[in-house]
Every structure is written in structure tokens, then in C-alpha cells.
PDB file of N, CA and C in Angstrom:
ATOM      1  N   MET A   1     220.466 117.070 183.592  1.00  0.00           N
ATOM      2  CA  MET A   1     220.040 116.382 184.788  1.00  0.00           C
ATOM      3  C   MET A   1     218.996 115.331 184.428  1.00  0.00           C
ATOM      4  N   ASN A   2     219.183 114.137 184.950  1.00  0.00           N
ATOM      5  CA  ASN A   2     218.254 113.058 184.663  1.00  0.00           C
ATOM      6  C   ASN A   2     216.961 113.243 185.442  1.00  0.00           C
ATOM      7  N   GLU A   3     215.861 112.829 184.814  1.00  0.00           N
ATOM      8  CA  GLU A   3     214.590 112.884 185.510  1.00  0.00           C
ATOM      9  C   GLU A   3     214.485 111.711 186.464  1.00  0.00           C
ATOM     10  N   LEU A   4     213.759 111.954 187.546  1.00  0.00           N
ATOM     11  CA  LEU A   4     213.642 110.985 188.617  1.00  0.00           C
ATOM     12  C   LEU A   4     212.182 110.607 188.817  1.00  0.00           C
ATOM     13  N   THR A   5     211.977 109.517 189.523  1.00  0.00           N
ATOM     14  CA  THR A   5     210.652 109.105 189.968  1.00  0.00           C
ATOM     15  C   THR A   5     210.821 108.373 191.289  1.00  0.00           C
ATOM     16  N   VAL A   6     209.754 107.859 191.833  1.00  0.00           N
ATOM     17  CA  VAL A   6     209.848 107.076 193.061  1.00  0.00           C
ATOM     18  C   VAL A   6     209.674 105.601 192.713  1.00  0.00           C
ATOM     19  N   LYS A   7     210.355 104.761 193.467  1.00  0.00           N
ATOM     20  CA  LYS A   7     210.312 103.327 193.187  1.00  0.00           C
ATOM     21  C   LYS A   7     208.950 102.723 193.503  1.00  0.00           C
ATOM     22  N   GLU A   8     208.370 103.145 194.648  1.00  0.00           N
ATOM     23  CA  GLU A   8     207.069 102.621 195.033  1.00  0.00           C
ATOM     24  C   GLU A   8     206.324 103.661 195.851  1.00  0.00           C
ATOM     25  N   GLU A   9     205.038 103.454 195.991  1.00  0.00           N
ATOM     26  CA  GLU A   9     204.206 104.394 196.735  1.00  0.00           C
ATOM     27  C   GLU A   9     204.609 104.441 198.201  1.00  0.00           C
ATOM     28  N   THR A  10     204.678 105.654 198.719  1.00  0.00           N
ATOM     29  CA  THR A  10     204.914 105.851 200.143  1.00  0.00           C
ATOM     30  C   THR A  10     203.954 106.932 200.643  1.00  0.00           C
ATOM     31  N   PHE A  11     203.839 107.034 201.959  1.00  0.00           N
ATOM     32  CA  PHE A  11     202.978 108.079 202.515  1.00  0.00           C
ATOM     33  C   PHE A  11     203.587 108.614 203.792  1.00  0.00           C
ATOM     34  N   ALA A  12     203.127 109.785 204.189  1.00  0.00           N
ATOM     35  CA  ALA A  12     203.558 110.399 205.436  1.00  0.00           C
ATOM     36  C   ALA A  12     202.378 111.127 206.059  1.00  0.00           C
ATOM     37  N   LEU A  13     202.325 111.115 207.366  1.00  0.00           N
ATOM     38  CA  LEU A  13     201.270 111.797 208.118  1.00  0.00           C
ATOM     39  C   LEU A  13     201.837 113.064 208.739  1.00  0.00           C
ATOM     40  N   THR A  14     201.049 114.134 208.690  1.00  0.00           N
ATOM     41  CA  THR A  14     201.427 115.405 209.299  1.00  0.00           C
ATOM     42  C   THR A  14     200.187 115.953 209.997  1.00  0.00           C
ATOM     43  N   GLU A  15     200.369 116.468 211.210  1.00  0.00           N
ATOM     44  CA  GLU A  15     199.253 117.091 211.917  1.00  0.00           C
ATOM     45  C   GLU A  15     199.632 118.514 212.288  1.00  0.00           C
ATOM     46  N   VAL A  16     198.748 119.454 211.954  1.00  0.00           N
ATOM     47  CA  VAL A  16     198.949 120.864 212.272  1.00  0.00           C
ATOM     48  C   VAL A  16     197.638 121.435 212.785  1.00  0.00           C
ATOM     49  N   MET A  17     197.660 121.953 214.001  1.00  0.00           N
ATOM     50  CA  MET A  17     196.489 122.599 214.603  1.00  0.00           C
ATOM     51  C   MET A  17     195.218 121.766 214.439  1.00  0.00           C
ATOM     52  N   LYS A  18     195.319 120.490 214.773  1.00  0.00           N
ATOM     53  CA  LYS A  18     194.222 119.530 214.775  1.00  0.00           C
ATOM     54  C   LYS A  18     193.783 119.050 213.387  1.00  0.00           C
ATOM     55  N   SER A  19     194.316 119.628 212.304  1.00  0.00           N
ATOM     56  CA  SER A  19     194.048 119.094 210.970  1.00  0.00           C
ATOM     57  C   SER A  19     195.083 118.008 210.675  1.00  0.00           C
ATOM     58  N   LYS A  20     194.617 116.931 210.061  1.00  0.00           N
ATOM     59  CA  LYS A  20     195.502 115.810 209.730  1.00  0.00           C
ATOM     60  C   LYS A  20     195.666 115.724 208.226  1.00  0.00           C
ATOM     61  N   PHE A  21     196.917 115.628 207.796  1.00  0.00           N
ATOM     62  CA  PHE A  21     197.269 115.568 206.383  1.00  0.00           C
ATOM     63  C   PHE A  21     198.004 114.260 206.131  1.00  0.00           C
ATOM     64  N   THR A  22     197.522 113.494 205.163  1.00  0.00           N
ATOM     65  CA  THR A  22     198.223 112.286 204.730  1.00  0.00           C
ATOM     66  C   THR A  22     198.629 112.497 203.284  1.00  0.00           C
ATOM     67  N   ALA A  23     199.937 112.496 203.047  1.00  0.00           N
ATOM     68  CA  ALA A  23     200.464 112.707 201.695  1.00  0.00           C
ATOM     69  C   ALA A  23     200.952 111.376 201.136  1.00  0.00           C
ATOM     70  N   PHE A  24     200.526 111.090 199.921  1.00  0.00           N
ATOM     71  CA  PHE A  24     200.950 109.890 199.199  1.00  0.00           C
ATOM     72  C   PHE A  24     201.802 110.335 198.019  1.00  0.00           C
ATOM     73  N   VAL A  25     202.964 109.735 197.848  1.00  0.00           N
ATOM     74  CA  VAL A  25     203.761 109.957 196.639  1.00  0.00           C
ATOM     75  C   VAL A  25     203.706 108.641 195.861  1.00  0.00           C
ATOM     76  N   ILE A  26     203.345 108.753 194.573  1.00  0.00           N
ATOM     77  CA  ILE A  26     202.951 107.580 193.798  1.00  0.00           C
ATOM     78  C   ILE A  26     203.675 107.559 192.455  1.00  0.00           C
ATOM     79  N   PRO A  27     204.355 106.459 192.122  1.00  0.00           N
ATOM     80  CA  PRO A  27     204.929 106.345 190.778  1.00  0.00           C
ATOM     81  C   PRO A  27     203.814 106.069 189.767  1.00  0.00           C
ATOM     82  N   LEU A  28     203.947 106.613 188.575  1.00  0.00           N
ATOM     83  CA  LEU A  28     202.924 106.435 187.542  1.00  0.00           C
ATOM     84  C   LEU A  28     203.525 105.775 186.305  1.00  0.00           C
ATOM     85  N   SER A  29     202.800 104.780 185.784  1.00  0.00           N
ATOM     86  CA  SER A  29     203.172 104.222 184.485  1.00  0.00           C
ATOM     87  C   SER A  29     202.198 104.683 183.412  1.00  0.00           C
ATOM     88  N   SER A  30     201.079 105.312 183.849  1.00  0.00           N
ATOM     89  CA  SER A  30     200.117 105.893 182.911  1.00  0.00           C
ATOM     90  C   SER A  30     199.231 106.873 183.682  1.00  0.00           C
ATOM     91  N   LEU A  31     198.527 107.730 182.953  1.00  0.00           N
ATOM     92  CA  LEU A  31     197.589 108.636 183.608  1.00  0.00           C
ATOM     93  C   LEU A  31     196.398 107.877 184.183  1.00  0.00           C
ATOM     94  N   ASP A  32     196.084 106.732 183.587  1.00  0.00           N
ATOM     95  CA  ASP A  32     195.021 105.897 184.154  1.00  0.00           C
ATOM     96  C   ASP A  32     195.395 105.403 185.545  1.00  0.00           C
ATOM     97  N   ASP A  33     196.702 105.118 185.774  1.00  0.00           N
ATOM     98  CA  ASP A  33     197.168 104.746 187.120  1.00  0.00           C
ATOM     99  C   ASP A  33     196.800 105.842 188.114  1.00  0.00           C
ATOM    100  N   PHE A  34     197.057 107.094 187.714  1.00  0.00           N
ATOM    101  CA  PHE A  34     196.763 108.219 188.601  1.00  0.00           C
ATOM    102  C   PHE A  34     195.274 108.298 188.894  1.00  0.00           C
ATOM    103  N   LYS A  35     194.447 108.261 187.859  1.00  0.00           N
ATOM    104  CA  LYS A  35     193.001 108.388 188.039  1.00  0.00           C
ATOM    105  C   LYS A  35     192.459 107.287 188.945  1.00  0.00           C
ATOM    106  N   LYS A  36     192.944 106.074 188.744  1.00  0.00           N
ATOM    107  CA  LYS A  36     192.498 104.937 189.539  1.00  0.00           C
ATOM    108  C   LYS A  36     192.906 105.115 191.003  1.00  0.00           C
ATOM    109  N   ARG A  37     194.147 105.501 191.243  1.00  0.00           N
ATOM    110  CA  ARG A  37     194.625 105.652 192.623  1.00  0.00           C
ATOM    111  C   ARG A  37     193.925 106.816 193.326  1.00  0.00           C
ATOM    112  N   LEU A  38     193.673 107.912 192.605  1.00  0.00           N
ATOM    113  CA  LEU A  38     192.954 109.043 193.180  1.00  0.00           C
ATOM    114  C   LEU A  38     191.558 108.611 193.634  1.00  0.00           C
ATOM    115  N   GLU A  39     190.853 107.869 192.798  1.00  0.00           N
ATOM    116  CA  GLU A  39     189.517 107.402 193.165  1.00  0.00           C
ATOM    117  C   GLU A  39     189.567 106.452 194.359  1.00  0.00           C
ATOM    118  N   GLU A  40     190.582 105.582 194.409  1.00  0.00           N
ATOM    119  CA  GLU A  40     190.722 104.668 195.549  1.00  0.00           C
ATOM    120  C   GLU A  40     190.929 105.439 196.847  1.00  0.00           C
ATOM    121  N   ILE A  41     191.774 106.454 196.795  1.00  0.00           N
ATOM    122  CA  ILE A  41     192.055 107.252 197.990  1.00  0.00           C
ATOM    123  C   ILE A  41     190.817 108.029 198.418  1.00  0.00           C
ATOM    124  N   LYS A  42     190.095 108.604 197.454  1.00  0.00           N
ATOM    125  CA  LYS A  42     188.857 109.322 197.798  1.00  0.00           C
ATOM    126  C   LYS A  42     187.835 108.376 198.420  1.00  0.00           C
ATOM    127  N   LYS A  43     187.704 107.189 197.851  1.00  0.00           N
ATOM    128  CA  LYS A  43     186.743 106.220 198.359  1.00  0.00           C
ATOM    129  C   LYS A  43     187.123 105.747 199.768  1.00  0.00           C
ATOM    130  N   ALA A  44     188.418 105.619 200.032  1.00  0.00           N
ATOM    131  CA  ALA A  44     188.897 105.177 201.342  1.00  0.00           C
ATOM    132  C   ALA A  44     188.808 106.279 202.402  1.00  0.00           C
ATOM    133  N   ASN A  45     188.607 107.527 201.978  1.00  0.00           N
ATOM    134  CA  ASN A  45     188.569 108.668 202.887  1.00  0.00           C
ATOM    135  C   ASN A  45     187.325 109.516 202.639  1.00  0.00           C
ATOM    136  N   PRO A  46     186.132 108.932 202.782  1.00  0.00           N
ATOM    137  CA  PRO A  46     184.919 109.667 202.429  1.00  0.00           C
ATOM    138  C   PRO A  46     184.643 110.881 203.315  1.00  0.00           C
ATOM    139  N   LYS A  47     185.212 110.922 204.514  1.00  0.00           N
ATOM    140  CA  LYS A  47     184.968 112.052 205.411  1.00  0.00           C
ATOM    141  C   LYS A  47     186.057 113.118 205.342  1.00  0.00           C
ATOM    142  N   ALA A  48     187.019 112.936 204.443  1.00  0.00           N
ATOM    143  CA  ALA A  48     188.076 113.942 204.282  1.00  0.00           C
ATOM    144  C   ALA A  48     187.467 115.222 203.730  1.00  0.00           C
ATOM    145  N   ARG A  49     187.946 116.345 204.214  1.00  0.00           N
ATOM    146  CA  ARG A  49     187.450 117.642 203.742  1.00  0.00           C
ATOM    147  C   ARG A  49     188.000 117.961 202.350  1.00  0.00           C
ATOM    148  N   HIS A  50     189.288 117.647 202.132  1.00  0.00           N
ATOM    149  CA  HIS A  50     189.929 117.953 200.847  1.00  0.00           C
ATOM    150  C   HIS A  50     190.850 116.807 200.440  1.00  0.00           C
ATOM    151  N   VAL A  51     190.888 116.535 199.141  1.00  0.00           N
ATOM    152  CA  VAL A  51     191.855 115.606 198.567  1.00  0.00           C
ATOM    153  C   VAL A  51     192.502 116.366 197.406  1.00  0.00           C
ATOM    154  N   VAL A  52     193.668 116.928 197.676  1.00  0.00           N
ATOM    155  CA  VAL A  52     194.349 117.739 196.660  1.00  0.00           C
ATOM    156  C   VAL A  52     195.422 116.896 195.988  1.00  0.00           C
ATOM    157  N   TYR A  53     195.825 117.327 194.793  1.00  0.00           N
ATOM    158  CA  TYR A  53     196.828 116.539 194.094  1.00  0.00           C
ATOM    159  C   TYR A  53     197.620 117.379 193.098  1.00  0.00           C
ATOM    160  N   ALA A  54     198.719 116.765 192.701  1.00  0.00           N
ATOM    161  CA  ALA A  54     199.510 117.266 191.574  1.00  0.00           C
ATOM    162  C   ALA A  54     200.207 116.063 190.960  1.00  0.00           C
ATOM    163  N   TYR A  55     200.382 116.116 189.664  1.00  0.00           N
ATOM    164  CA  TYR A  55     201.162 115.060 189.011  1.00  0.00           C
ATOM    165  C   TYR A  55     201.940 115.625 187.836  1.00  0.00           C
ATOM    166  N   ARG A  56     203.011 114.911 187.511  1.00  0.00           N
ATOM    167  CA  ARG A  56     203.768 115.129 186.280  1.00  0.00           C
ATOM    168  C   ARG A  56     203.873 113.759 185.619  1.00  0.00           C
ATOM    169  N   PHE A  57     203.483 113.703 184.365  1.00  0.00           N
ATOM    170  CA  PHE A  57     203.614 112.460 183.602  1.00  0.00           C
ATOM    171  C   PHE A  57     204.049 112.838 182.195  1.00  0.00           C
ATOM    172  N   GLY A  58     205.293 112.521 181.859  1.00  0.00           N
ATOM    173  CA  GLY A  58     205.820 112.932 180.561  1.00  0.00           C
ATOM    174  C   GLY A  58     205.778 114.444 180.463  1.00  0.00           C
ATOM    175  N   ILE A  59     205.114 114.940 179.414  1.00  0.00           N
ATOM    176  CA  ILE A  59     205.012 116.398 179.261  1.00  0.00           C
ATOM    177  C   ILE A  59     203.725 116.946 179.869  1.00  0.00           C
ATOM    178  N   SER A  60     202.889 116.065 180.419  1.00  0.00           N
ATOM    179  CA  SER A  60     201.629 116.487 181.042  1.00  0.00           C
ATOM    180  C   SER A  60     201.838 116.764 182.522  1.00  0.00           C
ATOM    181  N   SER A  61     201.130 117.767 183.010  1.00  0.00           N
ATOM    182  CA  SER A  61     201.122 118.023 184.438  1.00  0.00           C
ATOM    183  C   SER A  61     199.798 118.671 184.801  1.00  0.00           C
ATOM    184  N   LYS A  62     199.385 118.472 186.048  1.00  0.00           N
ATOM    185  CA  LYS A  62     198.119 119.030 186.494  1.00  0.00           C
ATOM    186  C   LYS A  62     198.129 119.113 188.012  1.00  0.00           C
ATOM    187  N   SER A  63     197.383 120.083 188.529  1.00  0.00           N
ATOM    188  CA  SER A  63     197.213 120.182 189.970  1.00  0.00           C
ATOM    189  C   SER A  63     195.777 120.579 190.259  1.00  0.00           C
ATOM    190  N   ASN A  64     195.332 120.299 191.492  1.00  0.00           N
ATOM    191  CA  ASN A  64     193.972 120.629 191.890  1.00  0.00           C
ATOM    192  C   ASN A  64     193.957 120.943 193.377  1.00  0.00           C
ATOM    193  N   ASP A  65     193.332 122.086 193.744  1.00  0.00           N
ATOM    194  CA  ASP A  65     193.241 122.515 195.141  1.00  0.00           C
ATOM    195  C   ASP A  65     192.045 121.916 195.878  1.00  0.00           C
ATOM    196  N   ASP A  66     191.124 121.298 195.186  1.00  0.00           N
ATOM    197  CA  ASP A  66     189.939 120.660 195.768  1.00  0.00           C
ATOM    198  C   ASP A  66     189.256 121.524 196.827  1.00  0.00           C
ATOM    199  N   GLY A  67     188.988 122.756 196.472  1.00  0.00           N
ATOM    200  CA  GLY A  67     188.233 123.632 197.358  1.00  0.00           C
ATOM    201  C   GLY A  67     189.056 124.435 198.348  1.00  0.00           C
ATOM    202  N   GLU A  68     190.336 124.152 198.468  1.00  0.00           N
ATOM    203  CA  GLU A  68     191.200 124.989 199.306  1.00  0.00           C
ATOM    204  C   GLU A  68     191.374 126.333 198.596  1.00  0.00           C
ATOM    205  N   PRO A  69     191.776 127.386 199.325  1.00  0.00           N
ATOM    206  CA  PRO A  69     192.008 128.662 198.647  1.00  0.00           C
ATOM    207  C   PRO A  69     192.983 128.503 197.483  1.00  0.00           C
ATOM    208  N   ARG A  70     192.649 129.153 196.387  1.00  0.00           N
ATOM    209  CA  ARG A  70     193.420 129.002 195.153  1.00  0.00           C
ATOM    210  C   ARG A  70     194.918 129.226 195.383  1.00  0.00           C
ATOM    211  N   GLY A  71     195.698 128.272 194.876  1.00  0.00           N
ATOM    212  CA  GLY A  71     197.148 128.381 194.935  1.00  0.00           C
ATOM    213  C   GLY A  71     197.777 127.959 196.248  1.00  0.00           C
ATOM    214  N   THR A  72     196.998 127.417 197.174  1.00  0.00           N
ATOM    215  CA  THR A  72     197.563 127.041 198.474  1.00  0.00           C
ATOM    216  C   THR A  72     197.859 125.556 198.607  1.00  0.00           C
ATOM    217  N   ALA A  73     197.493 124.754 197.623  1.00  0.00           N
ATOM    218  CA  ALA A  73     197.621 123.310 197.793  1.00  0.00           C
ATOM    219  C   ALA A  73     198.216 122.632 196.555  1.00  0.00           C
ATOM    220  N   GLY A  74     197.410 122.479 195.519  1.00  0.00           N
ATOM    221  CA  GLY A  74     197.853 121.725 194.343  1.00  0.00           C
ATOM    222  C   GLY A  74     199.035 122.342 193.622  1.00  0.00           C
ATOM    223  N   ARG A  75     198.977 123.636 193.365  1.00  0.00           N
ATOM    224  CA  ARG A  75     200.052 124.294 192.603  1.00  0.00           C
ATOM    225  C   ARG A  75     201.403 124.244 193.323  1.00  0.00           C
ATOM    226  N   PRO A  76     201.455 124.517 194.628  1.00  0.00           N
ATOM    227  CA  PRO A  76     202.745 124.394 195.311  1.00  0.00           C
ATOM    228  C   PRO A  76     203.299 122.962 195.290  1.00  0.00           C
ATOM    229  N   ILE A  77     202.410 121.970 195.322  1.00  0.00           N
ATOM    230  CA  ILE A  77     202.869 120.582 195.245  1.00  0.00           C
ATOM    231  C   ILE A  77     203.416 120.292 193.845  1.00  0.00           C
ATOM    232  N   LEU A  78     202.749 120.818 192.814  1.00  0.00           N
ATOM    233  CA  LEU A  78     203.260 120.655 191.454  1.00  0.00           C
ATOM    234  C   LEU A  78     204.618 121.328 191.313  1.00  0.00           C
ATOM    235  N   ASP A  79     204.765 122.518 191.876  1.00  0.00           N
ATOM    236  CA  ASP A  79     206.061 123.207 191.850  1.00  0.00           C
ATOM    237  C   ASP A  79     207.132 122.362 192.525  1.00  0.00           C
ATOM    238  N   LEU A  80     206.767 121.685 193.608  1.00  0.00           N
ATOM    239  CA  LEU A  80     207.707 120.800 194.311  1.00  0.00           C
ATOM    240  C   LEU A  80     208.159 119.650 193.414  1.00  0.00           C
ATOM    241  N   LEU A  81     207.223 119.058 192.666  1.00  0.00           N
ATOM    242  CA  LEU A  81     207.594 117.986 191.732  1.00  0.00           C
ATOM    243  C   LEU A  81     208.617 118.486 190.717  1.00  0.00           C
ATOM    244  N   HIS A  82     208.414 119.703 190.219  1.00  0.00           N
ATOM    245  CA  HIS A  82     209.366 120.284 189.265  1.00  0.00           C
ATOM    246  C   HIS A  82     210.722 120.525 189.933  1.00  0.00           C
ATOM    247  N   LYS A  83     210.721 121.105 191.131  1.00  0.00           N
ATOM    248  CA  LYS A  83     211.980 121.411 191.833  1.00  0.00           C
ATOM    249  C   LYS A  83     212.771 120.155 192.148  1.00  0.00           C
ATOM    250  N   LYS A  84     212.071 119.076 192.484  1.00  0.00           N
ATOM    251  CA  LYS A  84     212.735 117.804 192.813  1.00  0.00           C
ATOM    252  C   LYS A  84     213.033 116.979 191.562  1.00  0.00           C
ATOM    253  N   ASN A  85     212.637 117.508 190.394  1.00  0.00           N
ATOM    254  CA  ASN A  85     212.853 116.842 189.111  1.00  0.00           C
ATOM    255  C   ASN A  85     212.177 115.470 189.055  1.00  0.00           C
ATOM    256  N   LEU A  86     211.014 115.364 189.705  1.00  0.00           N
ATOM    257  CA  LEU A  86     210.257 114.115 189.705  1.00  0.00           C
ATOM    258  C   LEU A  86     209.252 114.116 188.560  1.00  0.00           C
ATOM    259  N   ASN A  87     209.305 113.087 187.746  1.00  0.00           N
ATOM    260  CA  ASN A  87     208.364 112.922 186.647  1.00  0.00           C
ATOM    261  C   ASN A  87     207.733 111.543 186.791  1.00  0.00           C
ATOM    262  N   ASN A  88     206.634 111.337 186.053  1.00  0.00           N
ATOM    263  CA  ASN A  88     205.872 110.091 186.169  1.00  0.00           C
ATOM    264  C   ASN A  88     205.574 109.813 187.640  1.00  0.00           C
ATOM    265  N   THR A  89     205.197 110.888 188.328  1.00  0.00           N
ATOM    266  CA  THR A  89     204.978 110.850 189.766  1.00  0.00           C
ATOM    267  C   THR A  89     203.767 111.717 190.114  1.00  0.00           C
ATOM    268  N   ALA A  90     202.981 111.240 191.068  1.00  0.00           N
ATOM    269  CA  ALA A  90     201.853 112.012 191.591  1.00  0.00           C
ATOM    270  C   ALA A  90     202.003 112.150 193.096  1.00  0.00           C
ATOM    271  N   ILE A  91     201.468 113.246 193.602  1.00  0.00           N
ATOM    272  CA  ILE A  91     201.346 113.431 195.042  1.00  0.00           C
ATOM    273  C   ILE A  91     199.883 113.770 195.323  1.00  0.00           C
ATOM    274  N   ILE A  92     199.297 113.009 196.222  1.00  0.00           N
ATOM    275  CA  ILE A  92     197.915 113.229 196.647  1.00  0.00           C
ATOM    276  C   ILE A  92     197.958 113.465 198.152  1.00  0.00           C
ATOM    277  N   VAL A  93     197.318 114.556 198.595  1.00  0.00           N
ATOM    278  CA  VAL A  93     197.283 114.861 200.024  1.00  0.00           C
ATOM    279  C   VAL A  93     195.826 114.906 200.483  1.00  0.00           C
ATOM    280  N   VAL A  94     195.527 114.091 201.480  1.00  0.00           N
ATOM    281  CA  VAL A  94     194.199 114.012 202.068  1.00  0.00           C
ATOM    282  C   VAL A  94     194.203 114.851 203.342  1.00  0.00           C
ATOM    283  N   ARG A  95     193.227 115.777 203.461  1.00  0.00           N
ATOM    284  CA  ARG A  95     193.149 116.613 204.657  1.00  0.00           C
ATOM    285  C   ARG A  95     191.841 116.359 205.394  1.00  0.00           C
ATOM    286  N   TYR A  96     191.997 116.046 206.665  1.00  0.00           N
ATOM    287  CA  TYR A  96     190.873 116.001 207.580  1.00  0.00           C
ATOM    288  C   TYR A  96     190.932 117.279 208.407  1.00  0.00           C
ATOM    289  N   TYR A  97     189.916 118.113 208.273  1.00  0.00           N
ATOM    290  CA  TYR A  97     189.860 119.413 208.936  1.00  0.00           C
ATOM    291  C   TYR A  97     189.692 119.234 210.433  1.00  0.00           C
ATOM    292  N   GLY A  98     190.495 119.960 211.207  1.00  0.00           N
ATOM    293  CA  GLY A  98     190.470 119.826 212.652  1.00  0.00           C
ATOM    294  C   GLY A  98     189.716 120.914 213.380  1.00  0.00           C
ATOM    295  N   GLY A  99     189.043 121.812 212.645  1.00  0.00           N
ATOM    296  CA  GLY A  99     188.237 122.836 213.284  1.00  0.00           C
ATOM    297  C   GLY A  99     188.927 124.168 213.471  1.00  0.00           C
ATOM    298  N   VAL A 100     190.198 124.270 213.093  1.00  0.00           N
ATOM    299  CA  VAL A 100     190.948 125.510 213.239  1.00  0.00           C
ATOM    300  C   VAL A 100     191.386 125.996 211.862  1.00  0.00           C
ATOM    301  N   GLN A 101     191.035 127.237 211.517  1.00  0.00           N
ATOM    302  CA  GLN A 101     191.470 127.813 210.238  1.00  0.00           C
ATOM    303  C   GLN A 101     192.985 128.010 210.279  1.00  0.00           C
ATOM    304  N   LEU A 102     193.674 127.567 209.239  1.00  0.00           N
ATOM    305  CA  LEU A 102     195.128 127.681 209.207  1.00  0.00           C
ATOM    306  C   LEU A 102     195.609 128.969 208.543  1.00  0.00           C
ATOM    307  N   GLY A 103     194.779 129.589 207.725  1.00  0.00           N
ATOM    308  CA  GLY A 103     195.221 130.751 206.964  1.00  0.00           C
ATOM    309  C   GLY A 103     195.984 130.297 205.733  1.00  0.00           C
ATOM    310  N   ALA A 104     196.002 131.116 204.710  1.00  0.00           N
ATOM    311  CA  ALA A 104     196.580 130.722 203.423  1.00  0.00           C
ATOM    312  C   ALA A 104     198.066 130.374 203.526  1.00  0.00           C
ATOM    313  N   GLY A 105     198.832 131.178 204.240  1.00  0.00           N
ATOM    314  CA  GLY A 105     200.270 130.928 204.338  1.00  0.00           C
ATOM    315  C   GLY A 105     200.595 129.622 205.031  1.00  0.00           C
ATOM    316  N   ARG A 106     199.988 129.403 206.181  1.00  0.00           N
ATOM    317  CA  ARG A 106     200.246 128.160 206.917  1.00  0.00           C
ATOM    318  C   ARG A 106     199.705 126.958 206.156  1.00  0.00           C
ATOM    319  N   LEU A 107     198.566 127.125 205.486  1.00  0.00           N
ATOM    320  CA  LEU A 107     197.991 126.043 204.690  1.00  0.00           C
ATOM    321  C   LEU A 107     198.956 125.632 203.585  1.00  0.00           C
ATOM    322  N   LEU A 108     199.479 126.593 202.854  1.00  0.00           N
ATOM    323  CA  LEU A 108     200.435 126.324 201.788  1.00  0.00           C
ATOM    324  C   LEU A 108     201.657 125.601 202.349  1.00  0.00           C
ATOM    325  N   ARG A 109     202.221 126.113 203.430  1.00  0.00           N
ATOM    326  CA  ARG A 109     203.414 125.489 204.019  1.00  0.00           C
ATOM    327  C   ARG A 109     203.124 124.065 204.483  1.00  0.00           C
ATOM    328  N   THR A 110     201.935 123.842 205.022  1.00  0.00           N
ATOM    329  CA  THR A 110     201.599 122.513 205.518  1.00  0.00           C
ATOM    330  C   THR A 110     201.441 121.512 204.388  1.00  0.00           C
ATOM    331  N   TYR A 111     200.789 121.923 203.303  1.00  0.00           N
ATOM    332  CA  TYR A 111     200.676 121.011 202.157  1.00  0.00           C
ATOM    333  C   TYR A 111     202.057 120.666 201.595  1.00  0.00           C
ATOM    334  N   VAL A 112     202.913 121.656 201.463  1.00  0.00           N
ATOM    335  CA  VAL A 112     204.259 121.399 200.930  1.00  0.00           C
ATOM    336  C   VAL A 112     205.046 120.520 201.902  1.00  0.00           C
ATOM    337  N   THR A 113     204.976 120.817 203.187  1.00  0.00           N
ATOM    338  CA  THR A 113     205.682 120.002 204.181  1.00  0.00           C
ATOM    339  C   THR A 113     205.193 118.561 204.144  1.00  0.00           C
ATOM    340  N   SER A 114     203.895 118.364 204.026  1.00  0.00           N
ATOM    341  CA  SER A 114     203.338 117.012 203.943  1.00  0.00           C
ATOM    342  C   SER A 114     203.906 116.266 202.739  1.00  0.00           C
ATOM    343  N   ALA A 115     203.928 116.942 201.591  1.00  0.00           N
ATOM    344  CA  ALA A 115     204.458 116.326 200.376  1.00  0.00           C
ATOM    345  C   ALA A 115     205.951 116.023 200.520  1.00  0.00           C
ATOM    346  N   VAL A 116     206.712 116.956 201.078  1.00  0.00           N
ATOM    347  CA  VAL A 116     208.153 116.742 201.289  1.00  0.00           C
ATOM    348  C   VAL A 116     208.381 115.552 202.211  1.00  0.00           C
ATOM    349  N   ASN A 117     207.593 115.443 203.266  1.00  0.00           N
ATOM    350  CA  ASN A 117     207.737 114.305 204.182  1.00  0.00           C
ATOM    351  C   ASN A 117     207.536 112.977 203.464  1.00  0.00           C
ATOM    352  N   ALA A 118     206.558 112.917 202.570  1.00  0.00           N
ATOM    353  CA  ALA A 118     206.327 111.679 201.811  1.00  0.00           C
ATOM    354  C   ALA A 118     207.470 111.413 200.836  1.00  0.00           C
ATOM    355  N   ILE A 119     207.932 112.460 200.160  1.00  0.00           N
ATOM    356  CA  ILE A 119     209.069 112.296 199.231  1.00  0.00           C
ATOM    357  C   ILE A 119     210.301 111.810 199.982  1.00  0.00           C
ATOM    358  N   ASN A 120     210.542 112.372 201.159  1.00  0.00           N
ATOM    359  CA  ASN A 120     211.725 111.980 201.926  1.00  0.00           C
ATOM    360  C   ASN A 120     211.692 110.536 202.365  1.00  0.00           C
ATOM    361  N   LYS A 121     210.509 109.942 202.492  1.00  0.00           N
ATOM    362  CA  LYS A 121     210.394 108.536 202.860  1.00  0.00           C
ATOM    363  C   LYS A 121     210.526 107.609 201.646  1.00  0.00           C
ATOM    364  N   ALA A 122     210.386 108.186 200.445  1.00  0.00           N
ATOM    365  CA  ALA A 122     210.394 107.371 199.221  1.00  0.00           C
ATOM    366  C   ALA A 122     211.822 107.086 198.759  1.00  0.00           C
ATOM    367  N   GLU A 123     211.953 105.997 198.022  1.00  0.00           N
ATOM    368  CA  GLU A 123     213.215 105.707 197.345  1.00  0.00           C
ATOM    369  C   GLU A 123     213.149 106.364 195.970  1.00  0.00           C
ATOM    370  N   ILE A 124     214.023 107.330 195.746  1.00  0.00           N
ATOM    371  CA  ILE A 124     214.062 108.068 194.476  1.00  0.00           C
ATOM    372  C   ILE A 124     214.976 107.314 193.512  1.00  0.00           C
ATOM    373  N   ILE A 125     214.485 107.104 192.284  1.00  0.00           N
ATOM    374  CA  ILE A 125     215.270 106.392 191.274  1.00  0.00           C
ATOM    375  C   ILE A 125     215.273 107.181 189.965  1.00  0.00           C
ATOM    376  N   GLU A 126     216.288 106.921 189.137  1.00  0.00           N
ATOM    377  CA  GLU A 126     216.320 107.537 187.809  1.00  0.00           C
ATOM    378  C   GLU A 126     215.349 106.810 186.898  1.00  0.00           C
ATOM    379  N   MET A 127     214.752 107.595 185.996  1.00  0.00           N
ATOM    380  CA  MET A 127     213.802 107.009 185.048  1.00  0.00           C
ATOM    381  C   MET A 127     214.546 106.313 183.924  1.00  0.00           C
TER     382      MET A 127
END
């Protein structure tokens, strides 16, 4: 099976129980691209409660929950990248907390749904 990536950056908005999630799916030509885009997104969203991410670039991969309960955000998004066979791709999800606790299960599902929504809007291409 050929590895895939996205042609260009896309995003999707998801709202669950007053929390707002914006997921960005981003093509990468280097890890520096990822670091730069992550900092831009953090700077553009200074009041966001969490900015979680996952990426696959070549044989490297990484995820980060950014303070969410362990395993509820970054790791499931990384698993999604593997399942969709997306490489040289990052997903960053910005969460604005709406005042209602979602619980670990709903939180995990919401992060994955947010990422899937962004992937579904993207044009997937072969590498």
C-alpha cells in the first residue's frame, strides 16, 4: 500500500458540550515545518486551553496530549494517522474549554472526530 499525505493544509471545527475544537491537518516537507506551524497556531490561539498534536514524518512520529488526560488526545490522533496511512503529515487540534468536563471517553472520541473531520476535508494524495 502506498503512503499518502495531504495536498494542502485544511481545518475543521467541532463543538461538543460548549468546548470548541479546531483540527488542522498539515502536509510536512520537514520537521521544521511542523515546529514552525505549531508555534504559529499556539501564538494565534493564546487563550486555548490545549493544543494537542501528532505527526508522522518518514520513520519519525510523535504525539502530545498537552495536559489532557494521558492517552485521550495525541496518541489516538497518531493512531489515526497510521490507520489512514498518512505520512509526512501532522494534525494539530486546538481546544477552547467550554466549562463542561467531557470525561476521558468522550474527550478521546471528540479529538479523533475533530481530526477525522479535517482529514475528510483534505485532498489526499500519494507521496
